[in-house]
Amino acid sequence: KLSSVVTLAGKDVRYLFDDKGIHGAMAHSTWSVEWPGVDRLVATKKGVMFIVSMGAYFVPSSAFFDAQALANFSADARDRLSQEAREKSLIEL
């Protein structure tokens, strides 16, 4: 389980990652995607993008303590995806 608050485009975004999936909240909106709903992830030094059928959710590297935490999270998140999604995912850290 990981939770973090990051600022994107001047707005605070709260993230929670758990066994069920990805959950997010910001002023006046919340969203949630179960792990099977993630089509793929792309992880780079800039952060992690979760691509879903209706768009994408980005977690910047600033949400993580350091590069190793980002790498560990990316690997763990990838492991939670379906086999097809794992094969389409890209981790370049």
Protein backbone atom coordinates (compact mmCIF):
# COMPACT_ATOMS: atom_id res chain seq x y z
CA LYS A 1 0.00 0.00 0.00
CA LEU A 2 1.33 3.40 -0.95
CA SER A 3 -0.22 6.79 -0.57
CA SER A 4 1.14 10.12 -1.65
CA VAL A 5 0.15 13.70 -2.28
CA VAL A 6 1.67 15.41 -5.29
CA THR A 7 1.05 18.69 -7.02
CA LEU A 8 0.21 18.55 -10.71
CA ALA A 9 -0.71 21.68 -12.66
CA GLY A 10 -0.95 23.57 -9.38
CA LYS A 11 -3.46 21.16 -7.80
CA ASP A 12 -2.89 18.64 -5.03
CA VAL A 13 -3.63 15.08 -6.10
CA ARG A 14 -3.90 12.33 -3.50
CA TYR A 15 -3.03 8.81 -4.61
CA LEU A 16 -3.61 5.49 -2.89
CA PHE A 17 -2.39 2.20 -4.31
CA ASP A 18 -3.60 -1.01 -2.70
CA ASP A 19 -4.40 -4.62 -3.53
CA LYS A 20 -7.56 -3.58 -5.41
CA GLY A 21 -6.07 -0.91 -7.63
CA ILE A 22 -5.31 2.77 -8.01
CA HIS A 23 -7.37 5.46 -6.30
CA GLY A 24 -7.04 9.19 -6.70
CA ALA A 25 -8.67 12.33 -5.39
CA MET A 26 -8.40 16.03 -5.94
CA ALA A 27 -10.69 18.97 -5.34
CA HIS A 28 -14.21 18.00 -6.45
CA SER A 29 -13.32 14.64 -8.02
CA THR A 30 -12.26 11.12 -7.20
CA TRP A 31 -11.42 8.17 -9.38
CA SER A 32 -10.50 4.54 -9.06
CA VAL A 33 -9.18 1.85 -11.41
CA GLU A 34 -8.88 -1.79 -10.47
CA TRP A 35 -5.62 -3.47 -11.49
CA PRO A 36 -7.30 -5.51 -14.28
CA GLY A 37 -8.44 -2.19 -15.80
CA VAL A 38 -4.87 -0.98 -16.35
CA ASP A 39 -3.85 -1.59 -19.97
CA ARG A 40 -0.11 -1.00 -19.36
CA LEU A 41 2.29 1.14 -17.41
CA VAL A 42 5.20 3.23 -18.55
CA ALA A 43 7.84 4.06 -15.96
CA THR A 44 10.72 6.47 -16.58
CA LYS A 45 12.85 8.71 -14.39
CA LYS A 46 10.07 11.31 -14.68
CA GLY A 47 7.46 9.06 -13.09
CA VAL A 48 4.94 6.31 -13.73
CA MET A 49 2.03 6.51 -16.15
CA PHE A 50 -0.84 4.06 -15.85
CA ILE A 51 -2.64 3.77 -19.17
CA VAL A 52 -6.29 2.75 -18.95
CA SER A 53 -9.07 2.50 -21.53
CA MET A 54 -10.28 6.07 -21.03
CA GLY A 55 -6.97 7.86 -20.54
CA ALA A 56 -3.93 7.78 -18.30
CA TYR A 57 -2.91 8.61 -14.76
CA PHE A 58 0.54 10.00 -14.05
CA VAL A 59 2.45 9.80 -10.79
CA PRO A 60 5.55 12.04 -10.94
CA SER A 61 8.87 10.93 -9.54
CA SER A 62 8.50 13.64 -6.88
CA ALA A 63 5.93 11.37 -5.20
CA PHE A 64 8.73 8.97 -4.28
CA PHE A 65 11.47 9.29 -1.68
CA ASP A 66 14.20 8.46 -4.18
CA ALA A 67 14.94 6.69 -7.47
CA GLN A 68 15.07 3.28 -5.78
CA ALA A 69 11.60 3.78 -4.30
CA LEU A 70 10.32 4.69 -7.78
CA ALA A 71 11.95 1.57 -9.24
CA ASN A 72 10.55 -0.68 -6.49
CA PHE A 73 7.05 0.76 -6.89
CA SER A 74 7.17 0.42 -10.68
CA ALA A 75 8.17 -3.24 -10.46
CA ASP A 76 5.51 -3.98 -7.84
CA ALA A 77 2.79 -2.20 -9.83
CA ARG A 78 3.79 -4.05 -13.01
CA ASP A 79 3.53 -7.36 -11.16
CA ARG A 80 -0.10 -6.57 -10.27
CA LEU A 81 -1.13 -6.20 -13.92
CA SER A 82 -2.52 -8.90 -16.17
CA GLN A 83 -0.06 -10.91 -18.23
CA GLU A 84 -1.07 -9.01 -21.37
CA ALA A 85 -0.64 -5.63 -19.66
CA ARG A 86 2.77 -6.67 -18.27
CA GLU A 87 3.93 -7.59 -21.76
CA LYS A 88 2.88 -4.16 -23.09
CA SER A 89 4.43 -2.25 -20.19
CA LEU A 90 7.74 -0.41 -20.32
CA ILE A 91 10.08 0.29 -17.42
CA GLU A 92 13.10 2.44 -18.32
CA LEU A 93 14.62 3.81 -15.12
